[in-house]
């Protein structure tokens, strides 16, 4: 479970994204303005931010620049907009945004971007945890008589910091083979989600032949459906298509999304 902040001035979009991400098991905080978003970040440990560009009083780009200036770029930010141009998207990424989602947003694009953002968040936290402390960097080196005693007693090497399991999701106490398999499972699941479950692109990205890739995924227990996407307990989509998650600012909340008749939709269905 991750802490995700959704910042958008439209209540319908905030509620919709909160429902979807909540069903994915995440804790979602929502803010209708830049001021509310800053208050939430001051009080909560946020893993990922979904930030709308066009908002009253303070736009998303200005808020992103402010966070970067405050040294808060360790938390990935994904920008969203239904009216942005290519130049706006480039500007957002230049100032530190991890990704850019153009409205209307499909469910698959949303979940893929969120997975990418949370993976980056974990890596950023791991890098921060493994970074040497200033005290260790400035520690004096042994010289003279102290160095002569090194033959009498072993030198104590500093241990790696105690990285929380939530930051590094692999149990380092596992046997090497099991730990390696767990890392490879996370590695391939990350690239599958990032490449929209295209086996061709994943094979090219990882440098494996497709046949070898299929065998590797089977060995690791990463199940794939016949269409190449991850197998789930229920059917995915309607007629194999992926309708839009309509998050346009001009639409009403009821028209924003093509909801299924039942309220408890399957995880694999398109909203």
C-alpha atoms as a PDB file:
ATOM      1  CA  UNK A   1       0.000   0.000   0.000  1.00  0.00           C
ATOM      2  CA  UNK A   2       1.270   3.461  -0.918  1.00  0.00           C
ATOM      3  CA  UNK A   3       0.277   7.002   0.067  1.00  0.00           C
ATOM      4  CA  UNK A   4      -0.834   8.819  -3.085  1.00  0.00           C
ATOM      5  CA  UNK A   5      -1.804  12.485  -3.309  1.00  0.00           C
ATOM      6  CA  UNK A   6      -4.303  13.520  -6.010  1.00  0.00           C
ATOM      7  CA  UNK A   7      -4.378  17.269  -6.718  1.00  0.00           C
ATOM      8  CA  UNK A   8      -7.176  18.498  -9.003  1.00  0.00           C
ATOM      9  CA  UNK A   9      -9.670  21.344  -8.695  1.00  0.00           C
ATOM     10  CA  UNK A  10     -12.542  19.183 -10.028  1.00  0.00           C
ATOM     11  CA  UNK A  11     -14.261  17.101  -7.357  1.00  0.00           C
ATOM     12  CA  UNK A  12     -15.467  14.492  -9.829  1.00  0.00           C
ATOM     13  CA  UNK A  13     -11.949  13.692 -10.983  1.00  0.00           C
ATOM     14  CA  UNK A  14     -10.618  13.582  -7.421  1.00  0.00           C
ATOM     15  CA  UNK A  15     -13.345  11.165  -6.338  1.00  0.00           C
ATOM     16  CA  UNK A  16     -12.904   8.975  -9.392  1.00  0.00           C
ATOM     17  CA  UNK A  17      -9.132   8.660  -9.052  1.00  0.00           C
ATOM     18  CA  UNK A  18      -9.474   8.097  -5.299  1.00  0.00           C
ATOM     19  CA  UNK A  19     -11.923   5.250  -5.922  1.00  0.00           C
ATOM     20  CA  UNK A  20      -9.743   3.574  -8.551  1.00  0.00           C
ATOM     21  CA  UNK A  21      -6.492   3.856  -6.615  1.00  0.00           C
ATOM     22  CA  UNK A  22      -8.231   2.893  -3.385  1.00  0.00           C
ATOM     23  CA  UNK A  23      -9.457  -0.301  -5.029  1.00  0.00           C
ATOM     24  CA  UNK A  24      -5.825  -0.984  -5.982  1.00  0.00           C
ATOM     25  CA  UNK A  25      -5.008  -1.008  -2.265  1.00  0.00           C
ATOM     26  CA  UNK A  26      -3.523   2.482  -1.900  1.00  0.00           C
ATOM     27  CA  UNK A  27      -4.288   5.185   0.650  1.00  0.00           C
ATOM     28  CA  UNK A  28      -5.375   8.258  -1.322  1.00  0.00           C
ATOM     29  CA  UNK A  29      -5.284  11.874  -0.142  1.00  0.00           C
ATOM     30  CA  UNK A  30      -7.039  14.475  -2.280  1.00  0.00           C
ATOM     31  CA  UNK A  31      -6.574  18.217  -2.583  1.00  0.00           C
ATOM     32  CA  UNK A  32      -8.563  20.752  -4.578  1.00  0.00           C
ATOM     33  CA  UNK A  33      -5.855  23.432  -4.560  1.00  0.00           C
ATOM     34  CA  UNK A  34      -2.122  23.960  -4.321  1.00  0.00           C
ATOM     35  CA  UNK A  35      -2.472  25.293  -0.777  1.00  0.00           C
ATOM     36  CA  UNK A  36      -4.284  22.147   0.395  1.00  0.00           C
ATOM     37  CA  UNK A  37      -1.715  19.955  -1.386  1.00  0.00           C
ATOM     38  CA  UNK A  38       1.146  21.701   0.429  1.00  0.00           C
ATOM     39  CA  UNK A  39      -0.583  21.200   3.775  1.00  0.00           C
ATOM     40  CA  UNK A  40      -1.042  17.486   3.109  1.00  0.00           C
ATOM     41  CA  UNK A  41       2.594  17.026   2.094  1.00  0.00           C
ATOM     42  CA  UNK A  42       3.666  18.789   5.295  1.00  0.00           C
ATOM     43  CA  UNK A  43       1.639  16.343   7.412  1.00  0.00           C
ATOM     44  CA  UNK A  44       1.850  13.062   5.494  1.00  0.00           C
ATOM     45  CA  UNK A  45       4.592  10.920   4.005  1.00  0.00           C
ATOM     46  CA  UNK A  46       3.550  10.876   0.341  1.00  0.00           C
ATOM     47  CA  UNK A  47       4.921   8.290  -2.091  1.00  0.00           C
ATOM     48  CA  UNK A  48       3.455   9.662  -5.335  1.00  0.00           C
ATOM     49  CA  UNK A  49       1.620  12.802  -6.512  1.00  0.00           C
ATOM     50  CA  UNK A  50      -0.891  13.057  -9.371  1.00  0.00           C
ATOM     51  CA  UNK A  51      -0.988  16.781 -10.138  1.00  0.00           C
ATOM     52  CA  UNK A  52      -3.314  18.652 -12.478  1.00  0.00           C
ATOM     53  CA  UNK A  53      -1.700  21.492 -14.445  1.00  0.00           C
ATOM     54  CA  UNK A  54      -4.562  23.955 -14.800  1.00  0.00           C
ATOM     55  CA  UNK A  55      -5.832  25.024 -11.384  1.00  0.00           C
ATOM     56  CA  UNK A  56      -6.989  28.399 -10.008  1.00  0.00           C
ATOM     57  CA  UNK A  57      -4.673  30.607  -7.938  1.00  0.00           C
ATOM     58  CA  UNK A  58      -1.592  28.390  -8.412  1.00  0.00           C
ATOM     59  CA  UNK A  59      -1.106  26.074 -11.405  1.00  0.00           C
ATOM     60  CA  UNK A  60       0.516  22.658 -11.224  1.00  0.00           C
ATOM     61  CA  UNK A  61       3.769  23.695 -12.936  1.00  0.00           C
ATOM     62  CA  UNK A  62       4.344  26.474 -10.399  1.00  0.00           C
ATOM     63  CA  UNK A  63       3.627  24.076  -7.530  1.00  0.00           C
ATOM     64  CA  UNK A  64       6.034  21.519  -9.009  1.00  0.00           C
ATOM     65  CA  UNK A  65       8.786  24.154  -9.255  1.00  0.00           C
ATOM     66  CA  UNK A  66       8.184  25.144  -5.625  1.00  0.00           C
ATOM     67  CA  UNK A  67       8.501  21.536  -4.424  1.00  0.00           C
ATOM     68  CA  UNK A  68      11.716  21.050  -6.384  1.00  0.00           C
ATOM     69  CA  UNK A  69      13.145  24.272  -4.934  1.00  0.00           C
ATOM     70  CA  UNK A  70      12.345  22.925  -1.445  1.00  0.00           C
ATOM     71  CA  UNK A  71      14.233  19.692  -2.159  1.00  0.00           C
ATOM     72  CA  UNK A  72      11.088  17.548  -2.313  1.00  0.00           C
ATOM     73  CA  UNK A  73      11.844  16.039  -5.724  1.00  0.00           C
ATOM     74  CA  UNK A  74      12.353  12.625  -4.101  1.00  0.00           C
ATOM     75  CA  UNK A  75       8.589  12.108  -4.332  1.00  0.00           C
ATOM     76  CA  UNK A  76       7.689  11.441  -7.995  1.00  0.00           C
ATOM     77  CA  UNK A  77       5.079  13.731  -9.576  1.00  0.00           C
ATOM     78  CA  UNK A  78       2.866  12.750 -12.516  1.00  0.00           C
ATOM     79  CA  UNK A  79       1.253  15.705 -14.274  1.00  0.00           C
ATOM     80  CA  UNK A  80      -2.282  15.570 -15.746  1.00  0.00           C
ATOM     81  CA  UNK A  81      -4.105  17.886 -18.132  1.00  0.00           C
ATOM     82  CA  UNK A  82      -6.813  17.913 -20.763  1.00  0.00           C
ATOM     83  CA  UNK A  83      -5.707  21.170 -22.394  1.00  0.00           C
ATOM     84  CA  UNK A  84      -1.915  21.055 -22.297  1.00  0.00           C
ATOM     85  CA  UNK A  85       0.299  21.271 -25.365  1.00  0.00           C
ATOM     86  CA  UNK A  86       3.462  19.333 -26.152  1.00  0.00           C
ATOM     87  CA  UNK A  87       5.469  22.320 -24.921  1.00  0.00           C
ATOM     88  CA  UNK A  88       3.653  22.161 -21.582  1.00  0.00           C
ATOM     89  CA  UNK A  89       4.428  18.463 -21.210  1.00  0.00           C
ATOM     90  CA  UNK A  90       8.093  19.059 -22.048  1.00  0.00           C
ATOM     91  CA  UNK A  91       8.234  21.913 -19.541  1.00  0.00           C
ATOM     92  CA  UNK A  92       6.715  19.709 -16.835  1.00  0.00           C
ATOM     93  CA  UNK A  93       9.277  16.946 -17.337  1.00  0.00           C
ATOM     94  CA  UNK A  94      12.085  19.508 -17.539  1.00  0.00           C
ATOM     95  CA  UNK A  95      11.157  20.799 -14.101  1.00  0.00           C
ATOM     96  CA  UNK A  96      11.099  17.338 -12.566  1.00  0.00           C
ATOM     97  CA  UNK A  97       7.812  15.617 -13.433  1.00  0.00           C
ATOM     98  CA  UNK A  98       8.223  11.879 -13.881  1.00  0.00           C
ATOM     99  CA  UNK A  99       5.439  11.482 -16.443  1.00  0.00           C
ATOM    100  CA  UNK A 100       2.587  13.313 -18.152  1.00  0.00           C
ATOM    101  CA  UNK A 101      -0.952  11.973 -18.632  1.00  0.00           C
ATOM    102  CA  UNK A 102      -3.236  13.611 -21.145  1.00  0.00           C
ATOM    103  CA  UNK A 103      -6.953  13.585 -20.371  1.00  0.00           C
ATOM    104  CA  UNK A 104      -9.032  11.596 -21.108  1.00  0.00           C
ATOM    105  CA  UNK A 105      -6.923   8.927 -19.415  1.00  0.00           C
ATOM    106  CA  UNK A 106      -7.374   5.208 -19.956  1.00  0.00           C
ATOM    107  CA  UNK A 107      -7.320   2.950 -16.917  1.00  0.00           C
ATOM    108  CA  UNK A 108      -4.326   1.026 -18.264  1.00  0.00           C
ATOM    109  CA  UNK A 109      -2.299   4.214 -18.766  1.00  0.00           C
ATOM    110  CA  UNK A 110      -3.214   5.415 -15.292  1.00  0.00           C
ATOM    111  CA  UNK A 111      -2.218   2.190 -13.542  1.00  0.00           C
ATOM    112  CA  UNK A 112       0.961   1.862 -15.621  1.00  0.00           C
ATOM    113  CA  UNK A 113       2.021   5.403 -14.752  1.00  0.00           C
ATOM    114  CA  UNK A 114       1.223   4.866 -11.060  1.00  0.00           C
ATOM    115  CA  UNK A 115       3.259   1.651 -10.983  1.00  0.00           C
ATOM    116  CA  UNK A 116       6.156   3.450 -12.672  1.00  0.00           C
ATOM    117  CA  UNK A 117       5.918   6.273 -10.153  1.00  0.00           C
ATOM    118  CA  UNK A 118       5.831   3.978  -7.122  1.00  0.00           C
ATOM    119  CA  UNK A 119       8.818   2.021  -8.429  1.00  0.00           C
ATOM    120  CA  UNK A 120      10.754   5.270  -8.788  1.00  0.00           C
ATOM    121  CA  UNK A 121       9.653   6.297  -5.288  1.00  0.00           C
ATOM    122  CA  UNK A 122      11.022   3.054  -3.822  1.00  0.00           C
ATOM    123  CA  UNK A 123      14.327   3.497  -5.656  1.00  0.00           C
ATOM    124  CA  UNK A 124      14.642   7.089  -4.442  1.00  0.00           C
ATOM    125  CA  UNK A 125      14.031   6.025  -0.842  1.00  0.00           C
ATOM    126  CA  UNK A 126      16.527   3.176  -1.167  1.00  0.00           C
ATOM    127  CA  UNK A 127      19.167   5.517  -2.583  1.00  0.00           C
ATOM    128  CA  UNK A 128      18.580   7.949   0.281  1.00  0.00           C
ATOM    129  CA  UNK A 129      18.817   5.157   2.864  1.00  0.00           C
ATOM    130  CA  UNK A 130      22.082   3.845   1.401  1.00  0.00           C
ATOM    131  CA  UNK A 131      23.686   7.271   1.054  1.00  0.00           C
ATOM    132  CA  UNK A 132      26.626   7.728   3.456  1.00  0.00           C
ATOM    133  CA  UNK A 133      25.978  10.033   6.377  1.00  0.00           C
ATOM    134  CA  UNK A 134      28.032  13.255   6.681  1.00  0.00           C
ATOM    135  CA  UNK A 135      29.520  11.971   9.943  1.00  0.00           C
ATOM    136  CA  UNK A 136      30.834   8.863   8.196  1.00  0.00           C
ATOM    137  CA  UNK A 137      32.202  10.859   5.267  1.00  0.00           C
ATOM    138  CA  UNK A 138      34.138  13.184   7.603  1.00  0.00           C
ATOM    139  CA  UNK A 139      35.457  10.421   9.875  1.00  0.00           C
ATOM    140  CA  UNK A 140      39.250  10.698  10.330  1.00  0.00           C
ATOM    141  CA  UNK A 141      41.438   7.993   8.824  1.00  0.00           C
ATOM    142  CA  UNK A 142      43.834   5.902  10.911  1.00  0.00           C
ATOM    143  CA  UNK A 143      47.490   7.001  10.667  1.00  0.00           C
ATOM    144  CA  UNK A 144      50.726   6.530  12.573  1.00  0.00           C
ATOM    145  CA  UNK A 145      50.579   4.253  15.616  1.00  0.00           C
ATOM    146  CA  UNK A 146      46.895   3.556  15.109  1.00  0.00           C
ATOM    147  CA  UNK A 147      47.649   2.066  11.714  1.00  0.00           C
ATOM    148  CA  UNK A 148      50.313  -0.190  13.196  1.00  0.00           C
ATOM    149  CA  UNK A 149      47.658  -1.855  15.346  1.00  0.00           C
ATOM    150  CA  UNK A 150      45.660  -2.994  12.313  1.00  0.00           C
ATOM    151  CA  UNK A 151      47.543  -6.268  12.255  1.00  0.00           C
ATOM    152  CA  UNK A 152      46.547  -7.009  15.819  1.00  0.00           C
ATOM    153  CA  UNK A 153      42.783  -6.508  15.479  1.00  0.00           C
ATOM    154  CA  UNK A 154      40.484  -6.659  12.456  1.00  0.00           C
ATOM    155  CA  UNK A 155      39.175  -3.416  11.029  1.00  0.00           C
ATOM    156  CA  UNK A 156      35.430  -2.987  11.625  1.00  0.00           C
ATOM    157  CA  UNK A 157      33.667  -2.148   8.377  1.00  0.00           C
ATOM    158  CA  UNK A 158      30.477  -0.104   8.632  1.00  0.00           C
ATOM    159  CA  UNK A 159      27.349  -2.171   8.121  1.00  0.00           C
ATOM    160  CA  UNK A 160      24.728  -1.279   5.569  1.00  0.00           C
ATOM    161  CA  UNK A 161      21.904   0.816   7.032  1.00  0.00           C
ATOM    162  CA  UNK A 162      18.803  -0.982   8.165  1.00  0.00           C
ATOM    163  CA  UNK A 163      16.611  -0.387   5.121  1.00  0.00           C
ATOM    164  CA  UNK A 164      12.892  -0.871   5.899  1.00  0.00           C
ATOM    165  CA  UNK A 165      11.119  -3.638   4.009  1.00  0.00           C
ATOM    166  CA  UNK A 166       8.616  -1.077   2.681  1.00  0.00           C
ATOM    167  CA  UNK A 167      11.515   0.694   0.938  1.00  0.00           C
ATOM    168  CA  UNK A 168      13.351  -2.389  -0.321  1.00  0.00           C
ATOM    169  CA  UNK A 169      10.678  -4.998  -1.046  1.00  0.00           C
ATOM    170  CA  UNK A 170      13.045  -8.013  -1.084  1.00  0.00           C
ATOM    171  CA  UNK A 171      13.886  -9.964   2.046  1.00  0.00           C
ATOM    172  CA  UNK A 172      17.700  -9.882   2.074  1.00  0.00           C
ATOM    173  CA  UNK A 173      17.740 -12.779   4.554  1.00  0.00           C
ATOM    174  CA  UNK A 174      16.470 -15.165   1.859  1.00  0.00           C
ATOM    175  CA  UNK A 175      18.854 -17.680   0.267  1.00  0.00           C
ATOM    176  CA  UNK A 176      20.603 -16.190  -2.751  1.00  0.00           C
ATOM    177  CA  UNK A 177      18.607 -18.158  -5.323  1.00  0.00           C
ATOM    178  CA  UNK A 178      15.244 -17.152  -3.805  1.00  0.00           C
ATOM    179  CA  UNK A 179      16.288 -13.504  -3.414  1.00  0.00           C
ATOM    180  CA  UNK A 180      17.451 -13.437  -7.036  1.00  0.00           C
ATOM    181  CA  UNK A 181      14.165 -14.919  -8.233  1.00  0.00           C
ATOM    182  CA  UNK A 182      12.222 -12.334  -6.225  1.00  0.00           C
ATOM    183  CA  UNK A 183      14.275  -9.507  -7.733  1.00  0.00           C
ATOM    184  CA  UNK A 184      13.788 -10.859 -11.248  1.00  0.00           C
ATOM    185  CA  UNK A 185      10.043 -11.186 -10.624  1.00  0.00           C
ATOM    186  CA  UNK A 186       9.821  -7.523  -9.579  1.00  0.00           C
ATOM    187  CA  UNK A 187      12.074  -6.541 -12.473  1.00  0.00           C
ATOM    188  CA  UNK A 188       9.946  -8.221 -15.144  1.00  0.00           C
ATOM    189  CA  UNK A 189       6.642  -7.112 -13.590  1.00  0.00           C
ATOM    190  CA  UNK A 190       7.941  -3.532 -13.692  1.00  0.00           C
ATOM    191  CA  UNK A 191       8.917  -3.726 -17.370  1.00  0.00           C
ATOM    192  CA  UNK A 192       5.710  -5.542 -18.340  1.00  0.00           C
ATOM    193  CA  UNK A 193       3.620  -2.789 -16.800  1.00  0.00           C
ATOM    194  CA  UNK A 194       5.826  -0.091 -18.274  1.00  0.00           C
ATOM    195  CA  UNK A 195       5.602  -1.544 -21.808  1.00  0.00           C
ATOM    196  CA  UNK A 196       1.846  -2.195 -21.547  1.00  0.00           C
ATOM    197  CA  UNK A 197       2.494  -5.973 -21.465  1.00  0.00           C
ATOM    198  CA  UNK A 198       3.999  -6.016 -24.956  1.00  0.00           C
ATOM    199  CA  UNK A 199       6.215  -9.097 -25.013  1.00  0.00           C
ATOM    200  CA  UNK A 200       8.094  -7.768 -28.041  1.00  0.00           C
ATOM    201  CA  UNK A 201       9.045  -4.507 -26.340  1.00  0.00           C
ATOM    202  CA  UNK A 202       9.859  -6.217 -23.038  1.00  0.00           C
ATOM    203  CA  UNK A 203      12.117  -8.677 -24.881  1.00  0.00           C
ATOM    204  CA  UNK A 204      13.918  -5.798 -26.583  1.00  0.00           C
ATOM    205  CA  UNK A 205      14.180  -3.841 -23.337  1.00  0.00           C
ATOM    206  CA  UNK A 206      15.595  -6.743 -21.320  1.00  0.00           C
ATOM    207  CA  UNK A 207      17.785  -8.141 -24.115  1.00  0.00           C
ATOM    208  CA  UNK A 208      16.154 -11.573 -24.103  1.00  0.00           C
ATOM    209  CA  UNK A 209      14.763 -13.685 -26.901  1.00  0.00           C
ATOM    210  CA  UNK A 210      10.976 -13.948 -26.745  1.00  0.00           C
ATOM    211  CA  UNK A 211      11.130 -17.730 -26.189  1.00  0.00           C
ATOM    212  CA  UNK A 212      13.621 -17.289 -23.358  1.00  0.00           C
ATOM    213  CA  UNK A 213      11.469 -14.494 -21.912  1.00  0.00           C
ATOM    214  CA  UNK A 214       8.349 -16.693 -21.866  1.00  0.00           C
ATOM    215  CA  UNK A 215      10.288 -19.490 -20.113  1.00  0.00           C
ATOM    216  CA  UNK A 216      11.719 -17.034 -17.599  1.00  0.00           C
ATOM    217  CA  UNK A 217       8.282 -15.584 -16.759  1.00  0.00           C
ATOM    218  CA  UNK A 218       6.818 -19.069 -16.374  1.00  0.00           C
ATOM    219  CA  UNK A 219       9.659 -20.065 -14.040  1.00  0.00           C
ATOM    220  CA  UNK A 220       9.150 -16.933 -11.928  1.00  0.00           C
ATOM    221  CA  UNK A 221       5.381 -17.478 -11.718  1.00  0.00           C
ATOM    222  CA  UNK A 222       4.471 -14.318 -13.619  1.00  0.00           C
ATOM    223  CA  UNK A 223       1.268 -15.491 -15.267  1.00  0.00           C
ATOM    224  CA  UNK A 224       0.249 -14.114 -18.646  1.00  0.00           C
ATOM    225  CA  UNK A 225      -3.098 -14.300 -20.398  1.00  0.00           C
ATOM    226  CA  UNK A 226      -3.375 -15.408 -24.010  1.00  0.00           C
ATOM    227  CA  UNK A 227      -3.363 -11.815 -25.205  1.00  0.00           C
ATOM    228  CA  UNK A 228      -0.017 -11.244 -23.468  1.00  0.00           C
ATOM    229  CA  UNK A 229      -1.377  -9.309 -20.486  1.00  0.00           C
ATOM    230  CA  UNK A 230      -1.267 -10.488 -16.931  1.00  0.00           C
ATOM    231  CA  UNK A 231      -3.805 -13.165 -16.155  1.00  0.00           C
ATOM    232  CA  UNK A 232      -6.586 -12.138 -13.796  1.00  0.00           C
ATOM    233  CA  UNK A 233      -9.537 -13.862 -12.257  1.00  0.00           C
ATOM    234  CA  UNK A 234     -12.087 -12.171 -14.505  1.00  0.00           C
ATOM    235  CA  UNK A 235     -12.323 -11.118 -18.132  1.00  0.00           C
ATOM    236  CA  UNK A 236     -10.598  -7.857 -19.103  1.00  0.00           C
ATOM    237  CA  UNK A 237     -12.493  -5.100 -20.869  1.00  0.00           C
ATOM    238  CA  UNK A 238     -15.365  -5.319 -23.300  1.00  0.00           C
ATOM    239  CA  UNK A 239     -14.702  -6.919 -26.688  1.00  0.00           C
ATOM    240  CA  UNK A 240     -10.967  -6.627 -26.021  1.00  0.00           C
ATOM    241  CA  UNK A 241     -11.007  -2.841 -26.341  1.00  0.00           C
ATOM    242  CA  UNK A 242      -9.885  -0.237 -23.846  1.00  0.00           C
ATOM    243  CA  UNK A 243     -12.356   2.624 -23.597  1.00  0.00           C
ATOM    244  CA  UNK A 244     -11.279   5.959 -22.213  1.00  0.00           C
ATOM    245  CA  UNK A 245     -11.265   6.939 -18.579  1.00  0.00           C
ATOM    246  CA  UNK A 246     -12.883  10.221 -19.488  1.00  0.00           C
ATOM    247  CA  UNK A 247     -11.390  12.793 -17.145  1.00  0.00           C
ATOM    248  CA  UNK A 248     -11.956  15.851 -19.326  1.00  0.00           C
ATOM    249  CA  UNK A 249     -12.652  19.046 -17.448  1.00  0.00           C
ATOM    250  CA  UNK A 250     -15.792  19.825 -19.458  1.00  0.00           C
ATOM    251  CA  UNK A 251     -17.593  16.613 -18.621  1.00  0.00           C
ATOM    252  CA  UNK A 252     -19.891  15.950 -15.706  1.00  0.00           C
ATOM    253  CA  UNK A 253     -18.798  13.354 -13.129  1.00  0.00           C
ATOM    254  CA  UNK A 254     -21.465  10.950 -14.385  1.00  0.00           C
ATOM    255  CA  UNK A 255     -20.195  11.217 -17.949  1.00  0.00           C
ATOM    256  CA  UNK A 256     -16.547  10.985 -16.987  1.00  0.00           C
ATOM    257  CA  UNK A 257     -16.409   7.246 -16.975  1.00  0.00           C
ATOM    258  CA  UNK A 258     -18.142   4.299 -18.528  1.00  0.00           C
ATOM    259  CA  UNK A 259     -19.143   2.508 -15.350  1.00  0.00           C
ATOM    260  CA  UNK A 260     -20.170  -1.126 -15.262  1.00  0.00           C
ATOM    261  CA  UNK A 261     -23.710  -1.851 -14.007  1.00  0.00           C
ATOM    262  CA  UNK A 262     -22.509  -3.344 -10.745  1.00  0.00           C
ATOM    263  CA  UNK A 263     -20.693  -1.152  -8.200  1.00  0.00           C
ATOM    264  CA  UNK A 264     -18.041  -3.745  -7.308  1.00  0.00           C
ATOM    265  CA  UNK A 265     -16.235  -3.880 -10.610  1.00  0.00           C
ATOM    266  CA  UNK A 266     -13.493  -6.443 -11.232  1.00  0.00           C
ATOM    267  CA  UNK A 267      -9.945  -5.185 -10.974  1.00  0.00           C
ATOM    268  CA  UNK A 268      -9.306  -6.005 -14.611  1.00  0.00           C
ATOM    269  CA  UNK A 269     -12.284  -4.159 -16.064  1.00  0.00           C
ATOM    270  CA  UNK A 270     -11.953  -0.738 -17.645  1.00  0.00           C
ATOM    271  CA  UNK A 271     -13.625   2.072 -15.749  1.00  0.00           C
END
